[in-house]
Each structure stands twice: as C-alpha cells, then as structure tokens.
Amino acid sequence: MTTRHTAAASAASAAVTVVIEGITLPATFSRLPDALAALWEALRILPLGWAQYEVCQGYFGPEAVGRVEEALARDGRLVMAFVLAGRSHTVTVEPARR
C-alpha cells in the first residue's frame, strides 16, 4: 500500500468535522462516510441549480468517500464553495480537533 493510500485509509477511519457555512453548525462524526451522508442529506434539499447539485453530489454524495479521503490526505481538508440565493457558502470537511 502506498503512502497516499495509507493516508486515505486513515482519513476514512478518523473523526471529521463538517459544516455548511451559514446553513449548519459544525458537527463532528467518528467516521467520514457518516459525515458525508449527513452533508449530502443537508445539501440535496437546498434549492441549488442543476450544475451546483451535480458538483455537490460528486463531492458529498454516496460515491464520494474515496475522493474526499484523497483530498484530506493530500490537502488536510476539503473546502467547496457554492452560491445560494445570491450568497456564497462554503462546505468544509476537516479532521476533528482533539
């Protein structure tokens, strides 16, 4: 297993904190798949445009765990911005502070 895959595997099993700025409070989950499921449930009901919906689904939907693990291993956190009702919001996934 390469260092990148080892780091991604650690990211999946480590606690993460997620937040949708201006929409949700930060929430900490013990597992990345649970955090992404919660994010996707919150995001998919927002009145996003088609393109934003597709991007959010790609980053946080059911098939996204591997991509987020890689982003956490590579960059330490994942931040994605979107616009809703003329206001910019960010979605952040990062390791939970101990």
PDB file of N, CA and C in Angstrom:
ATOM      1  N   MET A   1       0.856  -1.175   0.000  1.00  0.00           N
ATOM      2  CA  MET A   1       0.000   0.000   0.000  1.00  0.00           C
ATOM      3  C   MET A   1       0.896   1.230   0.000  1.00  0.00           C
ATOM      4  N   THR A   2       0.575   2.188  -0.863  1.00  0.00           N
ATOM      5  CA  THR A   2       1.380   3.396  -0.947  1.00  0.00           C
ATOM      6  C   THR A   2       1.064   4.340   0.205  1.00  0.00           C
ATOM      7  N   THR A   3       1.931   5.312   0.386  1.00  0.00           N
ATOM      8  CA  THR A   3       1.709   6.303   1.438  1.00  0.00           C
ATOM      9  C   THR A   3       0.388   7.028   1.215  1.00  0.00           C
ATOM     10  N   ARG A   4       0.076   7.344  -0.031  1.00  0.00           N
ATOM     11  CA  ARG A   4      -1.179   8.049  -0.340  1.00  0.00           C
ATOM     12  C   ARG A   4      -2.383   7.206   0.061  1.00  0.00           C
ATOM     13  N   HIS A   5      -2.361   5.903  -0.270  1.00  0.00           N
ATOM     14  CA  HIS A   5      -3.473   5.032   0.093  1.00  0.00           C
ATOM     15  C   HIS A   5      -3.549   4.825   1.602  1.00  0.00           C
ATOM     16  N   THR A   6      -2.411   4.752   2.265  1.00  0.00           N
ATOM     17  CA  THR A   6      -2.399   4.607   3.717  1.00  0.00           C
ATOM     18  C   THR A   6      -3.007   5.853   4.370  1.00  0.00           C
ATOM     19  N   ALA A   7      -2.636   7.024   3.880  1.00  0.00           N
ATOM     20  CA  ALA A   7      -3.180   8.267   4.433  1.00  0.00           C
ATOM     21  C   ALA A   7      -4.682   8.354   4.170  1.00  0.00           C
ATOM     22  N   ALA A   8      -5.120   7.934   2.988  1.00  0.00           N
ATOM     23  CA  ALA A   8      -6.549   7.961   2.685  1.00  0.00           C
ATOM     24  C   ALA A   8      -7.311   6.990   3.577  1.00  0.00           C
ATOM     25  N   ALA A   9      -6.753   5.825   3.828  1.00  0.00           N
ATOM     26  CA  ALA A   9      -7.411   4.858   4.707  1.00  0.00           C
ATOM     27  C   ALA A   9      -7.512   5.409   6.122  1.00  0.00           C
ATOM     28  N   SER A  10      -6.476   6.118   6.587  1.00  0.00           N
ATOM     29  CA  SER A  10      -6.536   6.725   7.916  1.00  0.00           C
ATOM     30  C   SER A  10      -7.602   7.804   7.960  1.00  0.00           C
ATOM     31  N   ALA A  11      -7.741   8.564   6.870  1.00  0.00           N
ATOM     32  CA  ALA A  11      -8.743   9.629   6.836  1.00  0.00           C
ATOM     33  C   ALA A  11     -10.147   9.061   6.984  1.00  0.00           C
ATOM     34  N   ALA A  12     -10.398   7.897   6.399  1.00  0.00           N
ATOM     35  CA  ALA A  12     -11.732   7.301   6.461  1.00  0.00           C
ATOM     36  C   ALA A  12     -12.092   6.873   7.872  1.00  0.00           C
ATOM     37  N   SER A  13     -11.099   6.480   8.650  1.00  0.00           N
ATOM     38  CA  SER A  13     -11.393   5.972   9.985  1.00  0.00           C
ATOM     39  C   SER A  13     -11.243   7.033  11.067  1.00  0.00           C
ATOM     40  N   ALA A  14     -10.781   8.226  10.709  1.00  0.00           N
ATOM     41  CA  ALA A  14     -10.586   9.292  11.687  1.00  0.00           C
ATOM     42  C   ALA A  14     -11.846  10.151  11.802  1.00  0.00           C
ATOM     43  N   ALA A  15     -12.028  10.752  12.949  1.00  0.00           N
ATOM     44  CA  ALA A  15     -13.159  11.655  13.163  1.00  0.00           C
ATOM     45  C   ALA A  15     -12.987  12.912  12.311  1.00  0.00           C
ATOM     46  N   VAL A  16     -14.106  13.406  11.775  1.00  0.00           N
ATOM     47  CA  VAL A  16     -14.084  14.615  10.964  1.00  0.00           C
ATOM     48  C   VAL A  16     -15.161  15.575  11.437  1.00  0.00           C
ATOM     49  N   THR A  17     -14.909  16.850  11.184  1.00  0.00           N
ATOM     50  CA  THR A  17     -15.893  17.888  11.462  1.00  0.00           C
ATOM     51  C   THR A  17     -16.323  18.462  10.125  1.00  0.00           C
ATOM     52  N   VAL A  18     -17.629  18.662   9.980  1.00  0.00           N
ATOM     53  CA  VAL A  18     -18.184  19.214   8.745  1.00  0.00           C
ATOM     54  C   VAL A  18     -19.076  20.400   9.079  1.00  0.00           C
ATOM     55  N   VAL A  19     -19.147  21.324   8.141  1.00  0.00           N
ATOM     56  CA  VAL A  19     -20.028  22.486   8.318  1.00  0.00           C
ATOM     57  C   VAL A  19     -20.401  23.034   6.950  1.00  0.00           C
ATOM     58  N   ILE A  20     -21.633  23.507   6.830  1.00  0.00           N
ATOM     59  CA  ILE A  20     -22.061  24.288   5.677  1.00  0.00           C
ATOM     60  C   ILE A  20     -22.229  25.704   6.212  1.00  0.00           C
ATOM     61  N   GLU A  21     -21.277  26.545   5.915  1.00  0.00           N
ATOM     62  CA  GLU A  21     -21.213  27.896   6.470  1.00  0.00           C
ATOM     63  C   GLU A  21     -22.496  28.650   6.163  1.00  0.00           C
ATOM     64  N   GLY A  22     -23.079  29.224   7.204  1.00  0.00           N
ATOM     65  CA  GLY A  22     -24.296  29.994   7.066  1.00  0.00           C
ATOM     66  C   GLY A  22     -25.565  29.155   7.013  1.00  0.00           C
ATOM     67  N   ILE A  23     -25.422  27.825   7.048  1.00  0.00           N
ATOM     68  CA  ILE A  23     -26.592  26.951   6.960  1.00  0.00           C
ATOM     69  C   ILE A  23     -26.646  25.970   8.130  1.00  0.00           C
ATOM     70  N   THR A  24     -25.523  25.336   8.452  1.00  0.00           N
ATOM     71  CA  THR A  24     -25.493  24.382   9.565  1.00  0.00           C
ATOM     72  C   THR A  24     -24.411  24.769  10.563  1.00  0.00           C
ATOM     73  N   LEU A  25     -24.547  24.268  11.747  1.00  0.00           N
ATOM     74  CA  LEU A  25     -23.483  24.386  12.739  1.00  0.00           C
ATOM     75  C   LEU A  25     -22.457  23.293  12.478  1.00  0.00           C
ATOM     76  N   PRO A  26     -21.222  23.467  12.923  1.00  0.00           N
ATOM     77  CA  PRO A  26     -20.240  22.394  12.776  1.00  0.00           C
ATOM     78  C   PRO A  26     -20.720  21.137  13.508  1.00  0.00           C
ATOM     79  N   ALA A  27     -20.482  19.997  12.899  1.00  0.00           N
ATOM     80  CA  ALA A  27     -20.843  18.710  13.502  1.00  0.00           C
ATOM     81  C   ALA A  27     -19.669  17.758  13.338  1.00  0.00           C
ATOM     82  N   THR A  28     -19.373  16.999  14.372  1.00  0.00           N
ATOM     83  CA  THR A  28     -18.266  16.053  14.339  1.00  0.00           C
ATOM     84  C   THR A  28     -18.820  14.637  14.270  1.00  0.00           C
ATOM     85  N   PHE A  29     -18.229  13.844  13.389  1.00  0.00           N
ATOM     86  CA  PHE A  29     -18.615  12.455  13.173  1.00  0.00           C
ATOM     87  C   PHE A  29     -17.391  11.578  13.370  1.00  0.00           C
ATOM     88  N   SER A  30     -17.594  10.400  13.899  1.00  0.00           N
ATOM     89  CA  SER A  30     -16.469   9.491  14.134  1.00  0.00           C
ATOM     90  C   SER A  30     -16.000   8.823  12.845  1.00  0.00           C
ATOM     91  N   ARG A  31     -16.840   8.829  11.805  1.00  0.00           N
ATOM     92  CA  ARG A  31     -16.482   8.191  10.537  1.00  0.00           C
ATOM     93  C   ARG A  31     -16.808   9.123   9.372  1.00  0.00           C
ATOM     94  N   LEU A  32     -15.900   9.167   8.407  1.00  0.00           N
ATOM     95  CA  LEU A  32     -16.097  10.005   7.229  1.00  0.00           C
ATOM     96  C   LEU A  32     -17.363   9.647   6.450  1.00  0.00           C
ATOM     97  N   PRO A  33     -17.659   8.364   6.197  1.00  0.00           N
ATOM     98  CA  PRO A  33     -18.888   8.052   5.461  1.00  0.00           C
ATOM     99  C   PRO A  33     -20.149   8.605   6.131  1.00  0.00           C
ATOM    100  N   ASP A  34     -20.201   8.584   7.441  1.00  0.00           N
ATOM    101  CA  ASP A  34     -21.358   9.141   8.159  1.00  0.00           C
ATOM    102  C   ASP A  34     -21.424  10.655   7.989  1.00  0.00           C
ATOM    103  N   ALA A  35     -20.284  11.314   8.033  1.00  0.00           N
ATOM    104  CA  ALA A  35     -20.232  12.764   7.860  1.00  0.00           C
ATOM    105  C   ALA A  35     -20.703  13.155   6.465  1.00  0.00           C
ATOM    106  N   LEU A  36     -20.235  12.430   5.453  1.00  0.00           N
ATOM    107  CA  LEU A  36     -20.638  12.753   4.086  1.00  0.00           C
ATOM    108  C   LEU A  36     -22.109  12.477   3.853  1.00  0.00           C
ATOM    109  N   ALA A  37     -22.636  11.426   4.448  1.00  0.00           N
ATOM    110  CA  ALA A  37     -24.072  11.137   4.322  1.00  0.00           C
ATOM    111  C   ALA A  37     -24.898  12.280   4.911  1.00  0.00           C
ATOM    112  N   ALA A  38     -24.489  12.794   6.052  1.00  0.00           N
ATOM    113  CA  ALA A  38     -25.202  13.908   6.676  1.00  0.00           C
ATOM    114  C   ALA A  38     -25.098  15.172   5.822  1.00  0.00           C
ATOM    115  N   LEU A  39     -23.903  15.445   5.297  1.00  0.00           N
ATOM    116  CA  LEU A  39     -23.738  16.612   4.429  1.00  0.00           C
ATOM    117  C   LEU A  39     -24.625  16.500   3.197  1.00  0.00           C
ATOM    118  N   TRP A  40     -24.615  15.340   2.571  1.00  0.00           N
ATOM    119  CA  TRP A  40     -25.402  15.157   1.356  1.00  0.00           C
ATOM    120  C   TRP A  40     -26.890  15.321   1.645  1.00  0.00           C
ATOM    121  N   GLU A  41     -27.354  14.801   2.758  1.00  0.00           N
ATOM    122  CA  GLU A  41     -28.770  14.963   3.117  1.00  0.00           C
ATOM    123  C   GLU A  41     -29.120  16.442   3.273  1.00  0.00           C
ATOM    124  N   ALA A  42     -28.231  17.222   3.852  1.00  0.00           N
ATOM    125  CA  ALA A  42     -28.482  18.660   4.022  1.00  0.00           C
ATOM    126  C   ALA A  42     -28.406  19.401   2.691  1.00  0.00           C
ATOM    127  N   LEU A  43     -27.423  19.059   1.866  1.00  0.00           N
ATOM    128  CA  LEU A  43     -27.217  19.775   0.609  1.00  0.00           C
ATOM    129  C   LEU A  43     -28.274  19.446  -0.438  1.00  0.00           C
ATOM    130  N   ARG A  44     -28.685  18.194  -0.517  1.00  0.00           N
ATOM    131  CA  ARG A  44     -29.568  17.786  -1.614  1.00  0.00           C
ATOM    132  C   ARG A  44     -30.967  18.387  -1.523  1.00  0.00           C
ATOM    133  N   ILE A  45     -31.350  18.896  -0.349  1.00  0.00           N
ATOM    134  CA  ILE A  45     -32.675  19.509  -0.233  1.00  0.00           C
ATOM    135  C   ILE A  45     -32.643  21.027  -0.461  1.00  0.00           C
ATOM    136  N   LEU A  46     -31.451  21.584  -0.619  1.00  0.00           N
ATOM    137  CA  LEU A  46     -31.340  23.020  -0.882  1.00  0.00           C
ATOM    138  C   LEU A  46     -31.752  23.310  -2.327  1.00  0.00           C
ATOM    139  N   PRO A  47     -32.264  24.491  -2.584  1.00  0.00           N
ATOM    140  CA  PRO A  47     -32.657  24.847  -3.956  1.00  0.00           C
ATOM    141  C   PRO A  47     -31.448  25.252  -4.809  1.00  0.00           C
ATOM    142  N   LEU A  48     -30.583  24.274  -5.063  1.00  0.00           N
ATOM    143  CA  LEU A  48     -29.391  24.504  -5.872  1.00  0.00           C
ATOM    144  C   LEU A  48     -29.737  24.400  -7.352  1.00  0.00           C
ATOM    145  N   GLY A  49     -28.983  25.082  -8.168  1.00  0.00           N
ATOM    146  CA  GLY A  49     -29.122  24.906  -9.610  1.00  0.00           C
ATOM    147  C   GLY A  49     -28.591  23.530 -10.009  1.00  0.00           C
ATOM    148  N   TRP A  50     -28.908  23.120 -11.221  1.00  0.00           N
ATOM    149  CA  TRP A  50     -28.525  21.787 -11.681  1.00  0.00           C
ATOM    150  C   TRP A  50     -27.016  21.552 -11.558  1.00  0.00           C
ATOM    151  N   ALA A  51     -26.203  22.491 -12.048  1.00  0.00           N
ATOM    152  CA  ALA A  51     -24.747  22.311 -12.023  1.00  0.00           C
ATOM    153  C   ALA A  51     -24.226  22.219 -10.586  1.00  0.00           C
ATOM    154  N   GLN A  52     -24.725  23.090  -9.711  1.00  0.00           N
ATOM    155  CA  GLN A  52     -24.281  23.042  -8.308  1.00  0.00           C
ATOM    156  C   GLN A  52     -24.696  21.730  -7.646  1.00  0.00           C
ATOM    157  N   TYR A  53     -25.902  21.269  -7.942  1.00  0.00           N
ATOM    158  CA  TYR A  53     -26.372  19.999  -7.396  1.00  0.00           C
ATOM    159  C   TYR A  53     -25.442  18.860  -7.822  1.00  0.00           C
ATOM    160  N   GLU A  54     -25.094  18.824  -9.092  1.00  0.00           N
ATOM    161  CA  GLU A  54     -24.214  17.769  -9.617  1.00  0.00           C
ATOM    162  C   GLU A  54     -22.830  17.817  -8.957  1.00  0.00           C
ATOM    163  N   VAL A  55     -22.290  19.015  -8.781  1.00  0.00           N
ATOM    164  CA  VAL A  55     -20.975  19.149  -8.138  1.00  0.00           C
ATOM    165  C   VAL A  55     -21.055  18.698  -6.684  1.00  0.00           C
ATOM    166  N   CYS A  56     -22.072  19.132  -5.971  1.00  0.00           N
ATOM    167  CA  CYS A  56     -22.230  18.716  -4.572  1.00  0.00           C
ATOM    168  C   CYS A  56     -22.396  17.203  -4.464  1.00  0.00           C
ATOM    169  N   GLN A  57     -23.169  16.620  -5.369  1.00  0.00           N
ATOM    170  CA  GLN A  57     -23.337  15.172  -5.349  1.00  0.00           C
ATOM    171  C   GLN A  57     -22.001  14.472  -5.588  1.00  0.00           C
ATOM    172  N   GLY A  58     -21.194  15.012  -6.496  1.00  0.00           N
ATOM    173  CA  GLY A  58     -19.887  14.422  -6.767  1.00  0.00           C
ATOM    174  C   GLY A  58     -18.940  14.485  -5.587  1.00  0.00           C
ATOM    175  N   TYR A  59     -19.017  15.572  -4.829  1.00  0.00           N
ATOM    176  CA  TYR A  59     -18.135  15.733  -3.673  1.00  0.00           C
ATOM    177  C   TYR A  59     -18.660  15.063  -2.413  1.00  0.00           C
ATOM    178  N   PHE A  60     -19.975  15.041  -2.235  1.00  0.00           N
ATOM    179  CA  PHE A  60     -20.515  14.611  -0.951  1.00  0.00           C
ATOM    180  C   PHE A  60     -21.560  13.498  -1.042  1.00  0.00           C
ATOM    181  N   GLY A  61     -21.900  13.076  -2.244  1.00  0.00           N
ATOM    182  CA  GLY A  61     -22.888  12.019  -2.426  1.00  0.00           C
ATOM    183  C   GLY A  61     -22.358  10.646  -2.051  1.00  0.00           C
ATOM    184  N   PRO A  62     -23.174   9.619  -2.254  1.00  0.00           N
ATOM    185  CA  PRO A  62     -22.842   8.260  -1.817  1.00  0.00           C
ATOM    186  C   PRO A  62     -21.532   7.701  -2.383  1.00  0.00           C
ATOM    187  N   GLU A  63     -21.108   8.160  -3.540  1.00  0.00           N
ATOM    188  CA  GLU A  63     -19.895   7.626  -4.165  1.00  0.00           C
ATOM    189  C   GLU A  63     -18.649   8.480  -3.881  1.00  0.00           C
ATOM    190  N   ALA A  64     -18.728   9.425  -2.985  1.00  0.00           N
ATOM    191  CA  ALA A  64     -17.671  10.424  -2.825  1.00  0.00           C
ATOM    192  C   ALA A  64     -16.614  10.104  -1.778  1.00  0.00           C
ATOM    193  N   VAL A  65     -16.788   9.068  -0.991  1.00  0.00           N
ATOM    194  CA  VAL A  65     -15.869   8.824   0.131  1.00  0.00           C
ATOM    195  C   VAL A  65     -14.415   8.772  -0.334  1.00  0.00           C
ATOM    196  N   GLY A  66     -14.123   8.044  -1.397  1.00  0.00           N
ATOM    197  CA  GLY A  66     -12.747   7.931  -1.879  1.00  0.00           C
ATOM    198  C   GLY A  66     -12.148   9.263  -2.278  1.00  0.00           C
ATOM    199  N   ARG A  67     -12.934  10.100  -2.986  1.00  0.00           N
ATOM    200  CA  ARG A  67     -12.435  11.418  -3.396  1.00  0.00           C
ATOM    201  C   ARG A  67     -12.141  12.297  -2.186  1.00  0.00           C
ATOM    202  N   VAL A  68     -13.009  12.252  -1.188  1.00  0.00           N
ATOM    203  CA  VAL A  68     -12.793  13.083  -0.001  1.00  0.00           C
ATOM    204  C   VAL A  68     -11.611  12.561   0.807  1.00  0.00           C
ATOM    205  N   GLU A  69     -11.478  11.243   0.904  1.00  0.00           N
ATOM    206  CA  GLU A  69     -10.308  10.672   1.587  1.00  0.00           C
ATOM    207  C   GLU A  69      -9.021  11.158   0.946  1.00  0.00           C
ATOM    208  N   GLU A  70      -8.978  11.156  -0.385  1.00  0.00           N
ATOM    209  CA  GLU A  70      -7.782  11.629  -1.092  1.00  0.00           C
ATOM    210  C   GLU A  70      -7.530  13.110  -0.839  1.00  0.00           C
ATOM    211  N   ALA A  71      -8.577  13.919  -0.844  1.00  0.00           N
ATOM    212  CA  ALA A  71      -8.415  15.350  -0.582  1.00  0.00           C
ATOM    213  C   ALA A  71      -7.902  15.596   0.833  1.00  0.00           C
ATOM    214  N   LEU A  72      -8.433  14.860   1.800  1.00  0.00           N
ATOM    215  CA  LEU A  72      -7.973  15.014   3.184  1.00  0.00           C
ATOM    216  C   LEU A  72      -6.517  14.584   3.320  1.00  0.00           C
ATOM    217  N   ALA A  73      -6.155  13.490   2.661  1.00  0.00           N
ATOM    218  CA  ALA A  73      -4.776  13.015   2.734  1.00  0.00           C
ATOM    219  C   ALA A  73      -3.820  13.995   2.052  1.00  0.00           C
ATOM    220  N   ARG A  74      -4.254  14.572   0.939  1.00  0.00           N
ATOM    221  CA  ARG A  74      -3.396  15.469   0.159  1.00  0.00           C
ATOM    222  C   ARG A  74      -3.350  16.876   0.747  1.00  0.00           C
ATOM    223  N   ASP A  75      -4.525  17.424   1.107  1.00  0.00           N
ATOM    224  CA  ASP A  75      -4.612  18.840   1.470  1.00  0.00           C
ATOM    225  C   ASP A  75      -4.916  19.106   2.938  1.00  0.00           C
ATOM    226  N   GLY A  76      -5.286  18.069   3.680  1.00  0.00           N
ATOM    227  CA  GLY A  76      -5.594  18.244   5.095  1.00  0.00           C
ATOM    228  C   GLY A  76      -7.036  18.612   5.373  1.00  0.00           C
ATOM    229  N   ARG A  77      -7.750  19.116   4.363  1.00  0.00           N
ATOM    230  CA  ARG A  77      -9.168  19.422   4.484  1.00  0.00           C
ATOM    231  C   ARG A  77      -9.743  19.628   3.089  1.00  0.00           C
ATOM    232  N   LEU A  78     -11.051  19.631   3.007  1.00  0.00           N
ATOM    233  CA  LEU A  78     -11.743  19.876   1.744  1.00  0.00           C
ATOM    234  C   LEU A  78     -12.678  21.053   1.948  1.00  0.00           C
ATOM    235  N   VAL A  79     -12.572  22.043   1.089  1.00  0.00           N
ATOM    236  CA  VAL A  79     -13.449  23.211   1.141  1.00  0.00           C
ATOM    237  C   VAL A  79     -14.017  23.410  -0.260  1.00  0.00           C
ATOM    238  N   MET A  80     -15.343  23.525  -0.338  1.00  0.00           N
ATOM    239  CA  MET A  80     -16.011  23.760  -1.605  1.00  0.00           C
ATOM    240  C   MET A  80     -17.010  24.892  -1.418  1.00  0.00           C
ATOM    241  N   ALA A  81     -17.056  25.800  -2.362  1.00  0.00           N
ATOM    242  CA  ALA A  81     -17.974  26.938  -2.280  1.00  0.00           C
ATOM    243  C   ALA A  81     -19.128  26.763  -3.263  1.00  0.00           C
ATOM    244  N   PHE A  82     -20.282  27.306  -2.880  1.00  0.00           N
ATOM    245  CA  PHE A  82     -21.425  27.351  -3.779  1.00  0.00           C
ATOM    246  C   PHE A  82     -22.225  28.607  -3.462  1.00  0.00           C
ATOM    247  N   VAL A  83     -23.086  29.003  -4.398  1.00  0.00           N
ATOM    248  CA  VAL A  83     -23.908  30.195  -4.221  1.00  0.00           C
ATOM    249  C   VAL A  83     -25.358  29.765  -4.092  1.00  0.00           C
ATOM    250  N   LEU A  84     -26.026  30.332  -3.094  1.00  0.00           N
ATOM    251  CA  LEU A  84     -27.436  30.057  -2.852  1.00  0.00           C
ATOM    252  C   LEU A  84     -28.110  31.386  -2.546  1.00  0.00           C
ATOM    253  N   ALA A  85     -29.119  31.729  -3.323  1.00  0.00           N
ATOM    254  CA  ALA A  85     -29.864  32.983  -3.143  1.00  0.00           C
ATOM    255  C   ALA A  85     -28.928  34.193  -3.135  1.00  0.00           C
ATOM    256  N   GLY A  86     -27.952  34.182  -4.027  1.00  0.00           N
ATOM    257  CA  GLY A  86     -27.038  35.309  -4.164  1.00  0.00           C
ATOM    258  C   GLY A  86     -25.966  35.415  -3.098  1.00  0.00           C
ATOM    259  N   ARG A  87     -25.879  34.422  -2.218  1.00  0.00           N
ATOM    260  CA  ARG A  87     -24.876  34.458  -1.143  1.00  0.00           C
ATOM    261  C   ARG A  87     -23.961  33.259  -1.257  1.00  0.00           C
ATOM    262  N   SER A  88     -22.679  33.482  -1.091  1.00  0.00           N
ATOM    263  CA  SER A  88     -21.689  32.410  -1.145  1.00  0.00           C
ATOM    264  C   SER A  88     -21.641  31.656   0.185  1.00  0.00           C
ATOM    265  N   HIS A  89     -21.566  30.348   0.105  1.00  0.00           N
ATOM    266  CA  HIS A  89     -21.433  29.478   1.269  1.00  0.00           C
ATOM    267  C   HIS A  89     -20.278  28.521   1.010  1.00  0.00           C
ATOM    268  N   THR A  90     -19.645  28.070   2.061  1.00  0.00           N
ATOM    269  CA  THR A  90     -18.608  27.046   1.908  1.00  0.00           C
ATOM    270  C   THR A  90     -19.004  25.804   2.688  1.00  0.00           C
ATOM    271  N   VAL A  91     -18.627  24.675   2.122  1.00  0.00           N
ATOM    272  CA  VAL A  91     -18.766  23.387   2.802  1.00  0.00           C
ATOM    273  C   VAL A  91     -17.343  22.971   3.163  1.00  0.00           C
ATOM    274  N   THR A  92     -17.124  22.651   4.413  1.00  0.00           N
ATOM    275  CA  THR A  92     -15.781  22.256   4.871  1.00  0.00           C
ATOM    276  C   THR A  92     -15.851  20.891   5.534  1.00  0.00           C
ATOM    277  N   VAL A  93     -14.896  20.037   5.164  1.00  0.00           N
ATOM    278  CA  VAL A  93     -14.689  18.732   5.797  1.00  0.00           C
ATOM    279  C   VAL A  93     -13.236  18.740   6.242  1.00  0.00           C
ATOM    280  N   GLU A  94     -13.017  18.527   7.547  1.00  0.00           N
ATOM    281  CA  GLU A  94     -11.642  18.529   8.047  1.00  0.00           C
ATOM    282  C   GLU A  94     -11.528  17.582   9.246  1.00  0.00           C
ATOM    283  N   PRO A  95     -10.317  17.147   9.535  1.00  0.00           N
ATOM    284  CA  PRO A  95     -10.143  16.285  10.701  1.00  0.00           C
ATOM    285  C   PRO A  95     -10.644  16.989  11.955  1.00  0.00           C
ATOM    286  N   ALA A  96     -11.293  16.240  12.811  1.00  0.00           N
ATOM    287  CA  ALA A  96     -11.803  16.803  14.075  1.00  0.00           C
ATOM    288  C   ALA A  96     -10.631  17.189  14.963  1.00  0.00           C
ATOM    289  N   ARG A  97     -10.800  18.298  15.642  1.00  0.00           N
ATOM    290  CA  ARG A  97      -9.763  18.708  16.607  1.00  0.00           C
ATOM    291  C   ARG A  97      -9.882  17.841  17.828  1.00  0.00           C
ATOM    292  N   ARG A  98      -8.787  17.455  18.354  1.00  0.00           N
ATOM    293  CA  ARG A  98      -8.794  16.565  19.529  1.00  0.00           C
ATOM    294  C   ARG A  98      -8.773  17.363  20.799  1.00  0.00           C
TER     295      ARG A  98
END
